[in-house]
């Protein structure tokens, strides 16, 4: 009889261990990150990875008794590789994807993810207006490039009496960059301005670009490109005595832009929904933690990646990983580092924009 009781106890212990083991496996939530980590746009990708890691480290990779496992994958700005990574995520049962760094690559990921009703994709940087007002699985904490987003900036330019605008864009992320200029132009026209005199790609022969700018005589040049390409173009223009006012997109507004341009960055203006000098207590505490960990200042994209990670964490506390979209739309408002992040029914956000100018090698708020 005692042997029988002992056997029952042993079986119960084994059963409990097995249940705990499988329950632990079931409660592990895998989150995939796909973005440029080694290619041309790695400045953005690595900043975003840093922001994501910091947010999940702060909760010890555990949310509501669920273990969080992060998988970081480098898309190398390669379409076929990006497709493979996303499909591998799906094969692993991953329901949450953070990415991509560029709108062009996000479009690739979305073409797959939008076929699954239980998935959720969120980006810290993809801003193409092409994704606006789409009832899909894609969300973002970065404002879309619609015409309204540019109104304060184009009014500022109009008030400065800049009438003729020359646009330059990165053709390798055209979904974002060309779209940026198109909607900038729409806003400029609605504020009383005129059509751009030209749209030119950053891979155009720079001598031809210089000649074209001299011939068209614009009042201002608007560049939408990454920090490296924007710096390269600006340096070449200044070396060739083109002193036309330059404005650039938030994509280029990084420390590396200042490093790469040196004195030629003086006077360049930016319009951005992020204030690195914000006195918001929540933001200042984040900056301190980020600097302690990475020994550098957080960029806009590191900050937004941190924000989207805190949103994921908050949503996982509310329900299953397959219900993030539904729970996000129910809550709508989330506390960001500097302001409230308010999502509309399509997963787009509205945020306030600020104009900065490079003065003495620093980004200085002017509006």
Protein backbone atom coordinates (compact mmCIF):
# COMPACT_ATOMS: atom_id res chain seq x y z
CA UNK A 1 0.00 0.00 0.00
CA UNK A 2 2.85 2.36 0.88
CA UNK A 3 4.55 1.60 -2.45
CA UNK A 4 1.32 2.47 -4.24
CA UNK A 5 1.05 5.82 -2.40
CA UNK A 6 4.71 6.54 -3.11
CA UNK A 7 4.18 5.81 -6.82
CA UNK A 8 1.16 8.14 -6.92
CA UNK A 9 3.18 10.91 -5.25
CA UNK A 10 6.04 10.46 -7.73
CA UNK A 11 3.61 10.54 -10.64
CA UNK A 12 1.97 13.70 -9.29
CA UNK A 13 5.36 15.37 -8.93
CA UNK A 14 6.33 14.39 -12.47
CA UNK A 15 2.98 15.62 -13.76
CA UNK A 16 3.42 18.95 -11.95
CA UNK A 17 6.92 19.38 -13.37
CA UNK A 18 5.66 18.62 -16.88
CA UNK A 19 2.77 21.05 -16.52
CA UNK A 20 5.11 23.77 -15.26
CA UNK A 21 7.53 23.08 -18.10
CA UNK A 22 4.93 23.29 -20.84
CA UNK A 23 3.24 26.26 -19.21
CA UNK A 24 6.58 28.04 -19.17
CA UNK A 25 7.00 27.29 -22.85
CA UNK A 26 3.51 28.57 -23.60
CA UNK A 27 4.16 31.79 -21.68
CA UNK A 28 7.23 32.78 -23.69
CA UNK A 29 6.38 35.59 -26.08
CA UNK A 30 8.73 36.00 -29.01
CA UNK A 31 9.05 39.43 -30.61
CA UNK A 32 10.81 39.84 -33.93
CA UNK A 33 12.79 42.91 -34.97
CA UNK A 34 13.67 43.35 -38.65
CA UNK A 35 15.69 46.31 -39.88
CA UNK A 36 18.98 47.51 -41.31
CA UNK A 37 21.66 46.74 -38.73
CA UNK A 38 24.78 46.60 -40.91
CA UNK A 39 23.87 48.26 -44.20
CA UNK A 40 23.74 51.89 -45.30
CA UNK A 41 20.88 52.69 -42.92
CA UNK A 42 22.35 50.95 -39.88
CA UNK A 43 22.62 54.24 -37.93
CA UNK A 44 18.83 54.13 -37.63
CA UNK A 45 18.57 50.38 -37.14
CA UNK A 46 21.08 50.18 -34.32
CA UNK A 47 19.56 53.18 -32.55
CA UNK A 48 16.17 51.47 -32.68
CA UNK A 49 17.62 48.20 -31.42
CA UNK A 50 19.14 50.09 -28.48
CA UNK A 51 15.78 51.66 -27.63
CA UNK A 52 14.00 48.32 -27.77
CA UNK A 53 16.58 46.57 -25.60
CA UNK A 54 16.51 49.31 -22.95
CA UNK A 55 12.71 49.13 -22.64
CA UNK A 56 12.58 45.36 -22.20
CA UNK A 57 15.60 45.28 -19.88
CA UNK A 58 13.71 47.65 -17.58
CA UNK A 59 10.99 45.02 -17.12
CA UNK A 60 13.56 42.20 -16.93
CA UNK A 61 12.18 40.68 -20.15
CA UNK A 62 9.04 39.66 -18.29
CA UNK A 63 5.51 40.98 -18.78
CA UNK A 64 2.58 39.67 -16.73
CA UNK A 65 4.45 36.42 -15.99
CA UNK A 66 5.27 36.01 -19.67
CA UNK A 67 8.92 35.67 -20.64
CA UNK A 68 9.91 37.97 -23.52
CA UNK A 69 12.37 36.74 -26.14
CA UNK A 70 13.65 39.28 -28.67
CA UNK A 71 14.96 38.17 -32.06
CA UNK A 72 16.93 40.82 -33.99
CA UNK A 73 17.38 40.28 -37.72
CA UNK A 74 19.31 42.39 -40.22
CA UNK A 75 17.40 42.91 -43.49
CA UNK A 76 20.53 44.42 -45.11
CA UNK A 77 18.12 46.52 -47.22
CA UNK A 78 17.57 43.35 -49.30
CA UNK A 79 13.99 42.61 -50.37
CA UNK A 80 14.33 38.83 -50.68
CA UNK A 81 16.21 38.55 -47.40
CA UNK A 82 13.54 40.66 -45.72
CA UNK A 83 10.80 38.36 -47.01
CA UNK A 84 12.70 35.32 -45.73
CA UNK A 85 13.14 36.87 -42.28
CA UNK A 86 9.44 37.72 -41.94
CA UNK A 87 8.37 34.27 -43.15
CA UNK A 88 10.80 32.69 -40.66
CA UNK A 89 9.20 34.78 -37.91
CA UNK A 90 5.79 33.45 -38.93
CA UNK A 91 7.07 29.85 -39.01
CA UNK A 92 8.31 30.34 -35.44
CA UNK A 93 4.87 31.50 -34.35
CA UNK A 94 5.95 35.10 -33.79
CA UNK A 95 2.94 37.44 -33.72
CA UNK A 96 4.66 40.76 -32.95
CA UNK A 97 7.12 42.36 -35.36
CA UNK A 98 9.02 45.61 -34.84
CA UNK A 99 10.22 47.16 -38.10
CA UNK A 100 11.41 48.17 -40.52
CA UNK A 101 13.94 51.01 -40.57
CA UNK A 102 12.82 52.32 -43.98
CA UNK A 103 9.35 52.65 -45.46
CA UNK A 104 10.43 50.73 -48.56
CA UNK A 105 11.34 47.69 -46.48
CA UNK A 106 8.31 48.07 -44.19
CA UNK A 107 6.20 47.82 -47.33
CA UNK A 108 7.82 44.44 -48.05
CA UNK A 109 7.15 43.16 -44.53
CA UNK A 110 3.58 44.43 -44.58
CA UNK A 111 2.86 42.59 -47.84
CA UNK A 112 3.29 39.37 -45.85
CA UNK A 113 2.12 40.31 -42.35
CA UNK A 114 -1.17 41.83 -43.53
CA UNK A 115 -2.26 38.34 -44.61
CA UNK A 116 -2.43 37.24 -40.96
CA UNK A 117 -5.24 38.50 -38.72
CA UNK A 118 -3.42 37.63 -35.51
CA UNK A 119 -0.21 39.57 -36.20
CA UNK A 120 0.90 43.06 -35.18
CA UNK A 121 3.63 45.16 -36.79
CA UNK A 122 4.81 48.51 -35.44
CA UNK A 123 7.50 50.89 -36.65
CA UNK A 124 9.51 53.71 -35.10
CA UNK A 125 10.44 55.37 -38.38
CA UNK A 126 8.35 54.33 -41.40
CA UNK A 127 6.49 57.50 -42.33
CA UNK A 128 5.30 57.06 -45.90
CA UNK A 129 1.86 58.48 -46.53
CA UNK A 130 1.25 55.41 -48.70
CA UNK A 131 0.40 53.51 -45.50
CA UNK A 132 -2.10 56.09 -44.22
CA UNK A 133 -5.78 55.26 -43.67
CA UNK A 134 -5.29 51.55 -44.24
CA UNK A 135 -7.15 49.09 -42.03
CA UNK A 136 -4.27 46.65 -41.74
CA UNK A 137 -1.88 45.12 -39.20
CA UNK A 138 0.61 48.01 -39.34
CA UNK A 139 1.02 50.71 -36.68
CA UNK A 140 3.63 53.40 -36.12
CA UNK A 141 4.67 55.98 -33.52
CA UNK A 142 6.14 58.22 -36.23
CA UNK A 143 3.80 60.68 -37.95
CA UNK A 144 2.81 59.95 -41.54
CA UNK A 145 4.02 62.26 -44.30
CA UNK A 146 0.61 63.70 -45.09
CA UNK A 147 0.27 67.31 -46.20
CA UNK A 148 -1.10 68.41 -42.80
CA UNK A 149 2.06 67.17 -41.09
CA UNK A 150 4.08 69.83 -42.97
CA UNK A 151 1.83 72.85 -42.44
CA UNK A 152 3.81 74.49 -39.62
CA UNK A 153 7.06 73.97 -41.53
CA UNK A 154 5.86 75.25 -44.90
CA UNK A 155 4.33 78.27 -43.19
CA UNK A 156 7.71 78.94 -41.56
CA UNK A 157 9.42 78.70 -44.96
CA UNK A 158 6.80 80.93 -46.58
CA UNK A 159 7.19 83.52 -43.80
CA UNK A 160 10.96 83.52 -44.48
CA UNK A 161 10.10 84.46 -48.08
CA UNK A 162 11.50 81.26 -49.60
CA UNK A 163 9.49 80.95 -52.80
CA UNK A 164 11.36 78.58 -55.12
CA UNK A 165 11.94 75.12 -53.66
CA UNK A 166 14.31 72.46 -55.04
CA UNK A 167 13.72 68.91 -53.76
CA UNK A 168 16.34 66.18 -53.37
CA UNK A 169 15.46 62.62 -52.27
CA UNK A 170 17.08 59.23 -51.66
CA UNK A 171 15.88 56.96 -54.53
CA UNK A 172 16.69 53.79 -52.55
CA UNK A 173 13.94 54.56 -50.03
CA UNK A 174 11.58 56.25 -52.45
CA UNK A 175 8.44 55.04 -50.67
CA UNK A 176 9.36 57.47 -47.89
CA UNK A 177 11.62 60.13 -49.45
CA UNK A 178 9.79 61.00 -52.65
CA UNK A 179 6.51 60.79 -50.75
CA UNK A 180 7.97 63.24 -48.20
CA UNK A 181 8.70 65.83 -50.90
CA UNK A 182 5.36 65.33 -52.68
CA UNK A 183 3.40 66.03 -49.50
CA UNK A 184 5.74 68.85 -48.51
CA UNK A 185 4.96 70.42 -51.89
CA UNK A 186 1.19 69.96 -51.38
CA UNK A 187 1.39 71.71 -48.02
CA UNK A 188 3.56 74.50 -49.45
CA UNK A 189 1.04 75.14 -52.24
CA UNK A 190 -1.88 75.15 -49.77
CA UNK A 191 0.00 77.79 -47.72
CA UNK A 192 0.34 80.02 -50.77
CA UNK A 193 3.57 78.67 -52.25
CA UNK A 194 4.22 77.21 -55.69
CA UNK A 195 5.26 73.83 -57.12
CA UNK A 196 8.85 72.71 -56.61
CA UNK A 197 11.20 73.72 -59.39
CA UNK A 198 12.74 70.22 -59.48
CA UNK A 199 12.88 66.78 -57.83
CA UNK A 200 16.36 65.21 -58.03
CA UNK A 201 17.73 61.93 -56.57
CA UNK A 202 20.78 61.85 -54.31
CA UNK A 203 22.55 59.43 -56.67
CA UNK A 204 22.55 62.01 -59.45
CA UNK A 205 26.00 63.12 -60.61
CA UNK A 206 26.79 65.84 -58.06
CA UNK A 207 28.39 68.10 -60.66
CA UNK A 208 25.17 67.94 -62.68
CA UNK A 209 23.22 68.63 -59.49
CA UNK A 210 25.34 71.71 -58.80
CA UNK A 211 24.81 72.97 -62.38
CA UNK A 212 21.07 72.35 -62.14
CA UNK A 213 20.79 74.30 -58.88
CA UNK A 214 22.79 77.17 -60.34
CA UNK A 215 20.50 77.27 -63.37
CA UNK A 216 17.19 77.03 -61.45
CA UNK A 217 18.30 79.42 -58.65
CA UNK A 218 16.04 78.07 -55.87
CA UNK A 219 15.53 79.99 -52.62
CA UNK A 220 15.69 76.82 -50.56
CA UNK A 221 16.75 73.18 -51.07
CA UNK A 222 14.78 70.48 -49.24
CA UNK A 223 16.63 67.18 -48.83
CA UNK A 224 14.99 63.95 -47.70
CA UNK A 225 17.75 61.39 -47.22
CA UNK A 226 19.69 59.55 -44.54
CA UNK A 227 22.32 61.45 -42.56
CA UNK A 228 25.25 60.19 -44.64
CA UNK A 229 23.78 61.08 -48.04
CA UNK A 230 22.35 64.38 -46.81
CA UNK A 231 25.78 65.32 -45.43
CA UNK A 232 27.51 64.26 -48.66
CA UNK A 233 25.22 66.40 -50.81
CA UNK A 234 25.40 69.44 -48.53
CA UNK A 235 29.20 69.28 -48.32
CA UNK A 236 29.50 69.14 -52.10
CA UNK A 237 27.12 72.05 -52.57
CA UNK A 238 29.04 74.20 -50.09
CA UNK A 239 32.41 73.25 -51.62
CA UNK A 240 31.04 74.47 -54.94
CA UNK A 241 29.93 77.80 -53.48
CA UNK A 242 26.21 76.96 -53.42
CA UNK A 243 25.09 78.85 -50.30
CA UNK A 244 21.34 78.34 -50.81
CA UNK A 245 19.36 77.70 -47.61
CA UNK A 246 18.97 73.96 -46.94
CA UNK A 247 16.20 72.16 -45.05
CA UNK A 248 16.34 68.46 -44.29
CA UNK A 249 14.04 65.74 -43.00
CA UNK A 250 14.12 64.25 -39.50
CA UNK A 251 15.71 61.13 -41.01
CA UNK A 252 19.02 63.01 -41.22
CA UNK A 253 18.79 64.79 -37.88
CA UNK A 254 21.33 62.69 -35.99
CA UNK A 255 24.69 63.17 -34.32
CA UNK A 256 26.33 61.48 -37.30
CA UNK A 257 24.94 64.21 -39.58
CA UNK A 258 26.75 66.87 -37.55
CA UNK A 259 29.91 64.77 -37.51
CA UNK A 260 29.83 64.14 -41.25
CA UNK A 261 29.01 67.70 -42.32
CA UNK A 262 31.16 69.67 -39.88
CA UNK A 263 30.90 73.41 -40.49
CA UNK A 264 28.87 72.91 -43.68
CA UNK A 265 25.85 71.98 -41.55
CA UNK A 266 25.56 75.52 -40.18
CA UNK A 267 22.15 77.00 -40.91
CA UNK A 268 20.48 73.76 -42.05
CA UNK A 269 16.91 73.60 -40.72
CA UNK A 270 14.81 70.61 -39.65
CA UNK A 271 11.18 70.14 -38.71
CA UNK A 272 10.68 67.25 -36.32
CA UNK A 273 8.20 65.78 -33.82
CA UNK A 274 10.91 65.33 -31.20
CA UNK A 275 12.71 67.72 -28.86
CA UNK A 276 16.08 66.50 -27.60
CA UNK A 277 16.05 69.42 -25.12
CA UNK A 278 12.67 68.54 -23.65
CA UNK A 279 12.33 69.10 -19.89
CA UNK A 280 9.71 66.39 -19.57
CA UNK A 281 10.68 64.38 -16.49
CA UNK A 282 9.90 61.07 -18.15
CA UNK A 283 12.10 61.97 -21.14
CA UNK A 284 15.00 63.21 -19.02
CA UNK A 285 15.00 60.01 -16.98
CA UNK A 286 15.02 57.99 -20.22
CA UNK A 287 17.96 60.01 -21.59
CA UNK A 288 19.92 59.41 -18.38
CA UNK A 289 19.34 55.65 -18.52
CA UNK A 290 20.16 55.54 -22.22
CA UNK A 291 23.39 57.51 -21.82
CA UNK A 292 24.46 55.36 -18.86
CA UNK A 293 23.98 52.21 -20.92
CA UNK A 294 25.21 53.27 -24.37
CA UNK A 295 27.49 56.23 -23.59
CA UNK A 296 25.79 58.41 -26.19
CA UNK A 297 22.68 60.53 -26.61
CA UNK A 298 19.51 58.84 -27.84
CA UNK A 299 18.34 59.85 -31.30
CA UNK A 300 14.72 60.40 -32.25
CA UNK A 301 14.57 56.83 -33.53
CA UNK A 302 16.08 55.31 -30.38
CA UNK A 303 13.46 57.24 -28.40
CA UNK A 304 10.59 56.16 -30.61
CA UNK A 305 11.72 52.53 -30.55
CA UNK A 306 11.70 52.76 -26.76
CA UNK A 307 8.20 54.26 -26.88
CA UNK A 308 6.78 51.55 -29.13
CA UNK A 309 8.35 48.92 -26.87
CA UNK A 310 6.60 50.38 -23.82
CA UNK A 311 3.35 50.28 -25.80
CA UNK A 312 3.89 46.60 -26.58
CA UNK A 313 4.61 45.95 -22.90
CA UNK A 314 1.44 47.76 -21.85
CA UNK A 315 -0.64 45.85 -24.38
CA UNK A 316 0.76 42.48 -23.32
CA UNK A 317 -0.43 43.26 -19.80
CA UNK A 318 -3.94 43.65 -21.19
CA UNK A 319 -4.22 40.45 -23.18
CA UNK A 320 -2.90 37.85 -25.54
CA UNK A 321 -0.13 38.63 -28.05
CA UNK A 322 -2.56 37.92 -30.90
CA UNK A 323 -4.87 40.74 -29.75
CA UNK A 324 -2.46 43.69 -29.72
CA UNK A 325 -4.21 45.51 -32.56
CA UNK A 326 -7.63 45.20 -30.97
CA UNK A 327 -6.41 46.25 -27.52
CA UNK A 328 -4.42 49.18 -28.92
CA UNK A 329 -7.49 50.51 -30.72
CA UNK A 330 -9.55 50.16 -27.56
CA UNK A 331 -7.05 52.18 -25.51
CA UNK A 332 -6.01 54.65 -28.26
CA UNK A 333 -3.87 56.85 -25.94
CA UNK A 334 -0.45 55.97 -24.56
CA UNK A 335 2.04 58.00 -22.57
CA UNK A 336 5.09 58.84 -24.68
CA UNK A 337 8.40 60.26 -23.55
CA UNK A 338 7.43 63.84 -24.38
CA UNK A 339 3.71 63.79 -25.13
CA UNK A 340 0.65 61.59 -25.39
CA UNK A 341 0.71 59.20 -28.33
CA UNK A 342 -2.79 59.05 -29.79
CA UNK A 343 -3.61 56.47 -32.44
CA UNK A 344 -6.46 56.79 -34.90
CA UNK A 345 -8.43 53.76 -36.13
CA UNK A 346 -5.83 53.14 -38.83
CA UNK A 347 -2.85 53.03 -36.49
CA UNK A 348 -1.53 56.49 -37.39
CA UNK A 349 -0.57 59.17 -34.86
CA UNK A 350 -0.66 62.95 -34.57
CA UNK A 351 2.21 64.69 -32.79
CA UNK A 352 3.49 68.25 -32.45
CA UNK A 353 6.35 69.45 -34.68
CA UNK A 354 9.25 71.76 -33.84
CA UNK A 355 11.68 73.59 -36.14
CA UNK A 356 15.41 73.40 -35.41
CA UNK A 357 18.44 75.05 -36.99
CA UNK A 358 22.07 74.02 -36.75
CA UNK A 359 23.94 76.77 -34.91
CA UNK A 360 27.54 76.44 -33.72
CA UNK A 361 27.42 72.71 -34.46
CA UNK A 362 24.29 72.09 -32.38
CA UNK A 363 20.59 71.63 -33.10
CA UNK A 364 18.90 74.79 -31.80
CA UNK A 365 15.15 75.26 -31.47
CA UNK A 366 13.87 78.20 -33.50
CA UNK A 367 10.10 77.60 -33.51
